[in-house]
């Protein structure tokens, strides 16, 4: 079991703070394992077992606790007086009116509450409304390439090839892999997210607003395939709508927007907005979408052509998120910078390309970075090892070595 050190350290930094810790991420990215690792760390620092209350709401043994009143009674009976109590509620969105339980525990003395969820809608509605300013979100992703190399023990080049093919979902990395077994496992995750998680989101939304926006699962899957096929390319609600209409569907941009938001809230796709580097403002059109795991992309997308460059770009985008950056697509005049990464007021610019050895490719990737006149770091990441170096302050780095930093 790989220790998810970055996420553990984030949780540990918030330990005993008067905030609810909310861990979010796509199914099977390791949220339950993270909670177990955190509990082990607590016990290793002297916290007694009786001070830890841990409930996984996907375990059938805990089905009676899906009633929020029963859950609250169960936890309340087990609280230790005059000691800090650490409460872990895994996949909390399965509990109807869970926010009432979380709020009641939050206001009690000597409670430190940790919850996980597989749908961002719970943060954009229930928890956010009730607990505004009283929670911190830790967004969890599948294995980074560095973690993948650690757990598989593969040589770097072989590991990168496999990582591009099967992705970083933790169990895929450790299983006795065949193409068929990987595909079946990813099919289970995909269908669970598309059908179960999004359906639960719709039921909750219907309960709150009296209406459901997502009713056509076939359309949802068609849209997911399309977004997977245009990873790294600018898209808008209008362009997606036009594609669906050209495929024979009558649909409005508002409906398309509802379906896209459902895929984002279930953590399958992550949007990257465009940023005007000169005007220092976000642009409202033509954002890009990246898929959380390339294994899932390879599962849902028929292979028509090999798009190595976009796949590498997808990996770099999520690595920047893991490293704590806010990531946008850069627009500089008529040119584009793949990523503008910002953290604590410091900016870094990134270009990503599979190969820089052709002169025209080298010039194309360098041109936007040369045009930017500030003194922030400028980096080109590439798979080739021949063009590496420093060119007038622009670093050209091998992407595999960068991922392993």
Foldseek 3Di string as FASTA:
>chain_A
DDQPVLVLVVVVVCPPPLFEEEEEAFPLQQPVVNVVVNVVVCVVVPDDPLLEAEDECVDPVCVVVLEVVVVLVVVVVSHDPPAAHEYEYEQQLSRVPNLVSVVVQSPDPRYHHYYYHQFQVCCVPVCCVVPPPRHDYDYGAFDFLQSLCVQQVDDLVVSVVVCLALNRSPVQSNDPDDPVVSLVVLVVSVCCLLPPVLVSVQVVVCVVPVDGLDDDSVVLLVLVQVLLVQALWFDFLVRSCVVVVVVPDDDDSVSSVVSVVSCVRSNQKDWAFEAEPVVGGTDDGGIGIAGRTSNNSNSSYPPPDDDVQSSLLSSVVVLLVSVPWRWHWYDYPPATFRIWTDDPHATETEAEGADCPDPVSVCNNCVVVVPDPDDGQAEYEYCDDPPADADPRYGYYHSSVVSND
